[in-house]
């Protein structure tokens, strides 16, 4: 992890994660170098960079010695955000919890893992754009439901049934009526 200051004097951390390979980052006098996971050479070049969202960059790299290629993902660590639960407990924001909830709702549904990752990134971006250090869990749940409503209605109902603690069939019927009435309005 390499730390630096931006022009607004906010401390950020760049975290480089490696896709399907384990690499090392070496600190050099002029900055950092990414070590090839195959031959451990520190001379690599970036062949392609793509912005995968507001908080990450995908880089395709090639080792100058063995000529093998590998992918790295760079994430900027922002100020930690805390989630305020219904019982007023606070816990550190964890995008993995959002992803797991969405995966459970989309179980056996025709939605790719890439789409799930995009949804999670979109929700995290919404949370970070609030600019707050604390966010209510109810708001996060609403963000998830908004996204699920757009891509898969069955997953939306599954998630809503847990999130809103449906007690009986009537609760399901009311939510389905709301879902179909908003669909008709569009």
C-alpha atoms as a PDB file:
ATOM      1  CA  UNK A   1       0.000   0.000   0.000  1.00  0.00           C
ATOM      2  CA  UNK A   2       1.442   3.333  -1.057  1.00  0.00           C
ATOM      3  CA  UNK A   3       0.353   6.513   0.727  1.00  0.00           C
ATOM      4  CA  UNK A   4       0.325   9.945  -0.889  1.00  0.00           C
ATOM      5  CA  UNK A   5      -1.347  13.311  -0.477  1.00  0.00           C
ATOM      6  CA  UNK A   6      -3.579  14.826  -3.109  1.00  0.00           C
ATOM      7  CA  UNK A   7      -3.800  18.538  -3.828  1.00  0.00           C
ATOM      8  CA  UNK A   8      -6.557  18.950  -1.234  1.00  0.00           C
ATOM      9  CA  UNK A   9      -4.255  17.538   1.481  1.00  0.00           C
ATOM     10  CA  UNK A  10      -6.447  14.485   2.073  1.00  0.00           C
ATOM     11  CA  UNK A  11      -4.532  11.325   2.861  1.00  0.00           C
ATOM     12  CA  UNK A  12      -5.326   8.490   0.468  1.00  0.00           C
ATOM     13  CA  UNK A  13      -3.999   4.989   0.124  1.00  0.00           C
ATOM     14  CA  UNK A  14      -3.664   3.174  -3.152  1.00  0.00           C
ATOM     15  CA  UNK A  15      -4.278  -0.517  -2.779  1.00  0.00           C
ATOM     16  CA  UNK A  16      -3.250  -2.704  -5.676  1.00  0.00           C
ATOM     17  CA  UNK A  17      -5.038  -6.037  -5.874  1.00  0.00           C
ATOM     18  CA  UNK A  18      -3.990  -8.694  -8.304  1.00  0.00           C
ATOM     19  CA  UNK A  19      -6.336 -10.782 -10.371  1.00  0.00           C
ATOM     20  CA  UNK A  20      -5.602 -14.525 -10.300  1.00  0.00           C
ATOM     21  CA  UNK A  21      -1.986 -13.969  -9.282  1.00  0.00           C
ATOM     22  CA  UNK A  22      -0.084 -12.966  -6.207  1.00  0.00           C
ATOM     23  CA  UNK A  23       2.372 -10.138  -6.750  1.00  0.00           C
ATOM     24  CA  UNK A  24       4.471  -7.936  -4.577  1.00  0.00           C
ATOM     25  CA  UNK A  25       4.860  -4.203  -4.545  1.00  0.00           C
ATOM     26  CA  UNK A  26       8.358  -2.939  -3.892  1.00  0.00           C
ATOM     27  CA  UNK A  27       9.070   0.550  -2.660  1.00  0.00           C
ATOM     28  CA  UNK A  28      11.817   2.234  -4.592  1.00  0.00           C
ATOM     29  CA  UNK A  29      13.359   5.645  -4.053  1.00  0.00           C
ATOM     30  CA  UNK A  30      11.217   7.159  -6.834  1.00  0.00           C
ATOM     31  CA  UNK A  31       7.937   5.390  -6.002  1.00  0.00           C
ATOM     32  CA  UNK A  32       6.665   1.846  -6.228  1.00  0.00           C
ATOM     33  CA  UNK A  33       7.254  -1.027  -8.637  1.00  0.00           C
ATOM     34  CA  UNK A  34       5.005  -3.995  -9.273  1.00  0.00           C
ATOM     35  CA  UNK A  35       6.805  -7.316  -9.163  1.00  0.00           C
ATOM     36  CA  UNK A  36       6.018  -9.932 -11.800  1.00  0.00           C
ATOM     37  CA  UNK A  37       4.213 -12.882 -10.161  1.00  0.00           C
ATOM     38  CA  UNK A  38       5.977 -15.344 -12.458  1.00  0.00           C
ATOM     39  CA  UNK A  39       9.666 -14.363 -12.451  1.00  0.00           C
ATOM     40  CA  UNK A  40       9.704 -11.685  -9.691  1.00  0.00           C
ATOM     41  CA  UNK A  41      11.246  -9.087 -11.977  1.00  0.00           C
ATOM     42  CA  UNK A  42      10.367  -5.495 -11.011  1.00  0.00           C
ATOM     43  CA  UNK A  43      10.527  -4.180 -14.553  1.00  0.00           C
ATOM     44  CA  UNK A  44       6.970  -4.284 -15.874  1.00  0.00           C
ATOM     45  CA  UNK A  45       5.041  -2.052 -18.210  1.00  0.00           C
ATOM     46  CA  UNK A  46       1.368  -1.150 -18.311  1.00  0.00           C
ATOM     47  CA  UNK A  47      -0.175  -2.230 -21.614  1.00  0.00           C
ATOM     48  CA  UNK A  48      -3.758  -1.153 -20.893  1.00  0.00           C
ATOM     49  CA  UNK A  49      -5.560   0.892 -18.224  1.00  0.00           C
ATOM     50  CA  UNK A  50      -9.306   1.069 -17.777  1.00  0.00           C
ATOM     51  CA  UNK A  51     -11.417   2.899 -15.292  1.00  0.00           C
ATOM     52  CA  UNK A  52     -13.742   0.294 -13.766  1.00  0.00           C
ATOM     53  CA  UNK A  53     -15.708   2.786 -11.715  1.00  0.00           C
ATOM     54  CA  UNK A  54     -15.247   5.764  -9.488  1.00  0.00           C
ATOM     55  CA  UNK A  55     -12.912   4.017  -7.072  1.00  0.00           C
ATOM     56  CA  UNK A  56     -10.872   1.512  -9.080  1.00  0.00           C
ATOM     57  CA  UNK A  57      -8.590   1.191 -12.089  1.00  0.00           C
ATOM     58  CA  UNK A  58      -7.848  -2.044 -13.975  1.00  0.00           C
ATOM     59  CA  UNK A  59      -4.332  -2.286 -15.383  1.00  0.00           C
ATOM     60  CA  UNK A  60      -3.031  -4.941 -17.739  1.00  0.00           C
ATOM     61  CA  UNK A  61       0.717  -5.355 -17.237  1.00  0.00           C
ATOM     62  CA  UNK A  62       3.516  -7.169 -19.049  1.00  0.00           C
ATOM     63  CA  UNK A  63       6.804  -8.296 -17.561  1.00  0.00           C
ATOM     64  CA  UNK A  64       9.755  -6.995 -19.562  1.00  0.00           C
ATOM     65  CA  UNK A  65      11.842 -10.076 -18.703  1.00  0.00           C
ATOM     66  CA  UNK A  66       9.575 -13.133 -19.150  1.00  0.00           C
ATOM     67  CA  UNK A  67       6.955 -11.352 -21.352  1.00  0.00           C
ATOM     68  CA  UNK A  68       4.031 -12.825 -19.386  1.00  0.00           C
ATOM     69  CA  UNK A  69       0.983 -10.667 -18.726  1.00  0.00           C
ATOM     70  CA  UNK A  70      -1.080 -10.150 -15.577  1.00  0.00           C
ATOM     71  CA  UNK A  71      -3.865  -7.883 -14.369  1.00  0.00           C
ATOM     72  CA  UNK A  72      -3.886  -5.576 -11.363  1.00  0.00           C
ATOM     73  CA  UNK A  73      -6.743  -3.609  -9.850  1.00  0.00           C
ATOM     74  CA  UNK A  74      -5.955  -0.408  -8.013  1.00  0.00           C
ATOM     75  CA  UNK A  75      -8.394   0.906  -5.420  1.00  0.00           C
ATOM     76  CA  UNK A  76      -8.231   4.206  -3.631  1.00  0.00           C
ATOM     77  CA  UNK A  77      -8.973   3.817   0.062  1.00  0.00           C
ATOM     78  CA  UNK A  78     -11.100   6.694   1.228  1.00  0.00           C
ATOM     79  CA  UNK A  79     -11.920   7.896   4.713  1.00  0.00           C
ATOM     80  CA  UNK A  80     -13.673   5.020   6.496  1.00  0.00           C
ATOM     81  CA  UNK A  81     -17.457   5.110   6.493  1.00  0.00           C
ATOM     82  CA  UNK A  82     -19.453   3.718   9.391  1.00  0.00           C
ATOM     83  CA  UNK A  83     -22.874   2.133   9.040  1.00  0.00           C
ATOM     84  CA  UNK A  84     -25.405   2.995  11.734  1.00  0.00           C
ATOM     85  CA  UNK A  85     -27.592  -0.045  12.392  1.00  0.00           C
ATOM     86  CA  UNK A  86     -31.240   0.023  13.508  1.00  0.00           C
ATOM     87  CA  UNK A  87     -30.189  -0.532  17.131  1.00  0.00           C
ATOM     88  CA  UNK A  88     -27.757   2.450  16.806  1.00  0.00           C
ATOM     89  CA  UNK A  89     -24.644   0.244  16.769  1.00  0.00           C
ATOM     90  CA  UNK A  90     -21.927   1.414  14.402  1.00  0.00           C
ATOM     91  CA  UNK A  91     -19.743  -0.805  12.280  1.00  0.00           C
ATOM     92  CA  UNK A  92     -17.252  -0.140   9.521  1.00  0.00           C
ATOM     93  CA  UNK A  93     -18.698  -0.167   5.992  1.00  0.00           C
ATOM     94  CA  UNK A  94     -18.021  -3.452   4.201  1.00  0.00           C
ATOM     95  CA  UNK A  95     -18.861  -3.692   0.505  1.00  0.00           C
ATOM     96  CA  UNK A  96     -18.596  -7.483   0.839  1.00  0.00           C
ATOM     97  CA  UNK A  97     -21.781  -7.520   2.926  1.00  0.00           C
ATOM     98  CA  UNK A  98     -23.658  -5.696   0.178  1.00  0.00           C
ATOM     99  CA  UNK A  99     -22.279  -8.086  -2.432  1.00  0.00           C
ATOM    100  CA  UNK A 100     -23.243 -11.155  -0.376  1.00  0.00           C
ATOM    101  CA  UNK A 101     -26.789  -9.844   0.099  1.00  0.00           C
ATOM    102  CA  UNK A 102     -27.146  -9.195  -3.620  1.00  0.00           C
ATOM    103  CA  UNK A 103     -25.706 -12.620  -4.490  1.00  0.00           C
ATOM    104  CA  UNK A 104     -28.240 -14.301  -2.177  1.00  0.00           C
ATOM    105  CA  UNK A 105     -31.101 -12.342  -3.735  1.00  0.00           C
ATOM    106  CA  UNK A 106     -29.892 -13.203  -7.251  1.00  0.00           C
ATOM    107  CA  UNK A 107     -29.285 -16.891  -6.537  1.00  0.00           C
ATOM    108  CA  UNK A 108     -30.277 -18.998  -9.583  1.00  0.00           C
ATOM    109  CA  UNK A 109     -31.141 -15.841 -11.542  1.00  0.00           C
ATOM    110  CA  UNK A 110     -29.611 -14.992 -14.954  1.00  0.00           C
ATOM    111  CA  UNK A 111     -27.317 -12.173 -13.801  1.00  0.00           C
ATOM    112  CA  UNK A 112     -23.559 -12.254 -14.353  1.00  0.00           C
ATOM    113  CA  UNK A 113     -20.969 -11.696 -11.648  1.00  0.00           C
ATOM    114  CA  UNK A 114     -19.710  -8.705 -13.644  1.00  0.00           C
ATOM    115  CA  UNK A 115     -23.154  -7.120 -13.361  1.00  0.00           C
ATOM    116  CA  UNK A 116     -23.201  -7.822  -9.616  1.00  0.00           C
ATOM    117  CA  UNK A 117     -19.791  -6.143  -9.222  1.00  0.00           C
ATOM    118  CA  UNK A 118     -21.029  -3.120 -11.175  1.00  0.00           C
ATOM    119  CA  UNK A 119     -24.097  -2.859  -8.918  1.00  0.00           C
ATOM    120  CA  UNK A 120     -21.966  -3.052  -5.767  1.00  0.00           C
ATOM    121  CA  UNK A 121     -19.592  -0.392  -7.123  1.00  0.00           C
ATOM    122  CA  UNK A 122     -22.523   1.840  -8.050  1.00  0.00           C
ATOM    123  CA  UNK A 123     -23.996   1.526  -4.552  1.00  0.00           C
ATOM    124  CA  UNK A 124     -20.629   2.200  -2.911  1.00  0.00           C
ATOM    125  CA  UNK A 125     -20.189   5.254  -5.124  1.00  0.00           C
ATOM    126  CA  UNK A 126     -23.632   6.564  -4.047  1.00  0.00           C
ATOM    127  CA  UNK A 127     -22.666   6.074  -0.404  1.00  0.00           C
ATOM    128  CA  UNK A 128     -19.324   7.854  -0.823  1.00  0.00           C
ATOM    129  CA  UNK A 129     -20.915  10.732  -2.752  1.00  0.00           C
ATOM    130  CA  UNK A 130     -23.038  11.576   0.280  1.00  0.00           C
ATOM    131  CA  UNK A 131     -19.803  12.872   1.802  1.00  0.00           C
ATOM    132  CA  UNK A 132     -20.825  11.612   5.223  1.00  0.00           C
ATOM    133  CA  UNK A 133     -18.690   9.511   7.539  1.00  0.00           C
ATOM    134  CA  UNK A 134     -21.792   7.724   8.877  1.00  0.00           C
ATOM    135  CA  UNK A 135     -24.721   6.347   6.920  1.00  0.00           C
ATOM    136  CA  UNK A 136     -27.894   4.594   8.088  1.00  0.00           C
ATOM    137  CA  UNK A 137     -28.237   0.944   7.138  1.00  0.00           C
ATOM    138  CA  UNK A 138     -31.802   1.705   5.976  1.00  0.00           C
ATOM    139  CA  UNK A 139     -30.446   4.011   3.261  1.00  0.00           C
ATOM    140  CA  UNK A 140     -28.022   1.349   2.068  1.00  0.00           C
ATOM    141  CA  UNK A 141     -30.896  -1.141   1.914  1.00  0.00           C
ATOM    142  CA  UNK A 142     -32.913   1.302  -0.194  1.00  0.00           C
ATOM    143  CA  UNK A 143     -29.977   1.744  -2.581  1.00  0.00           C
ATOM    144  CA  UNK A 144     -29.741  -2.044  -2.978  1.00  0.00           C
ATOM    145  CA  UNK A 145     -33.474  -2.370  -3.564  1.00  0.00           C
ATOM    146  CA  UNK A 146     -33.420   0.409  -6.184  1.00  0.00           C
ATOM    147  CA  UNK A 147     -30.698  -1.404  -8.110  1.00  0.00           C
ATOM    148  CA  UNK A 148     -32.339  -4.830  -7.829  1.00  0.00           C
ATOM    149  CA  UNK A 149     -35.683  -3.416  -8.962  1.00  0.00           C
ATOM    150  CA  UNK A 150     -34.037  -2.320 -12.219  1.00  0.00           C
ATOM    151  CA  UNK A 151     -32.338  -5.627 -13.070  1.00  0.00           C
ATOM    152  CA  UNK A 152     -34.439  -8.470 -11.629  1.00  0.00           C
ATOM    153  CA  UNK A 153     -37.876  -8.273 -10.013  1.00  0.00           C
ATOM    154  CA  UNK A 154     -37.636 -11.713  -8.395  1.00  0.00           C
ATOM    155  CA  UNK A 155     -34.369 -10.739  -6.700  1.00  0.00           C
ATOM    156  CA  UNK A 156     -35.965  -7.458  -5.642  1.00  0.00           C
ATOM    157  CA  UNK A 157     -38.835  -9.293  -3.913  1.00  0.00           C
ATOM    158  CA  UNK A 158     -36.413 -11.746  -2.277  1.00  0.00           C
ATOM    159  CA  UNK A 159     -34.279  -8.935  -0.896  1.00  0.00           C
ATOM    160  CA  UNK A 160     -37.295  -6.844   0.155  1.00  0.00           C
ATOM    161  CA  UNK A 161     -38.802  -9.800   2.033  1.00  0.00           C
ATOM    162  CA  UNK A 162     -35.721 -10.050   4.252  1.00  0.00           C
ATOM    163  CA  UNK A 163     -34.909  -6.346   4.415  1.00  0.00           C
ATOM    164  CA  UNK A 164     -38.452  -5.281   5.280  1.00  0.00           C
ATOM    165  CA  UNK A 165     -39.117  -8.384   7.416  1.00  0.00           C
ATOM    166  CA  UNK A 166     -42.248  -9.608   5.656  1.00  0.00           C
ATOM    167  CA  UNK A 167     -44.435 -11.389   8.208  1.00  0.00           C
ATOM    168  CA  UNK A 168     -46.993 -13.026   5.916  1.00  0.00           C
ATOM    169  CA  UNK A 169     -48.216 -13.479   2.344  1.00  0.00           C
ATOM    170  CA  UNK A 170     -50.060 -10.153   2.451  1.00  0.00           C
ATOM    171  CA  UNK A 171     -46.738  -8.333   2.752  1.00  0.00           C
ATOM    172  CA  UNK A 172     -45.520 -10.094  -0.385  1.00  0.00           C
ATOM    173  CA  UNK A 173     -48.727  -9.246  -2.247  1.00  0.00           C
ATOM    174  CA  UNK A 174     -48.482  -5.563  -1.329  1.00  0.00           C
ATOM    175  CA  UNK A 175     -44.864  -5.330  -2.457  1.00  0.00           C
ATOM    176  CA  UNK A 176     -45.662  -7.112  -5.740  1.00  0.00           C
ATOM    177  CA  UNK A 177     -48.570  -4.700  -6.340  1.00  0.00           C
ATOM    178  CA  UNK A 178     -46.249  -1.747  -5.703  1.00  0.00           C
ATOM    179  CA  UNK A 179     -43.674  -3.243  -8.067  1.00  0.00           C
ATOM    180  CA  UNK A 180     -46.167  -3.863 -10.879  1.00  0.00           C
ATOM    181  CA  UNK A 181     -47.841  -0.454 -10.452  1.00  0.00           C
ATOM    182  CA  UNK A 182     -44.491   1.368 -10.771  1.00  0.00           C
ATOM    183  CA  UNK A 183     -43.673  -0.782 -13.812  1.00  0.00           C
ATOM    184  CA  UNK A 184     -46.971   0.230 -15.466  1.00  0.00           C
ATOM    185  CA  UNK A 185     -46.341   3.946 -14.760  1.00  0.00           C
ATOM    186  CA  UNK A 186     -43.041   3.798 -16.647  1.00  0.00           C
END
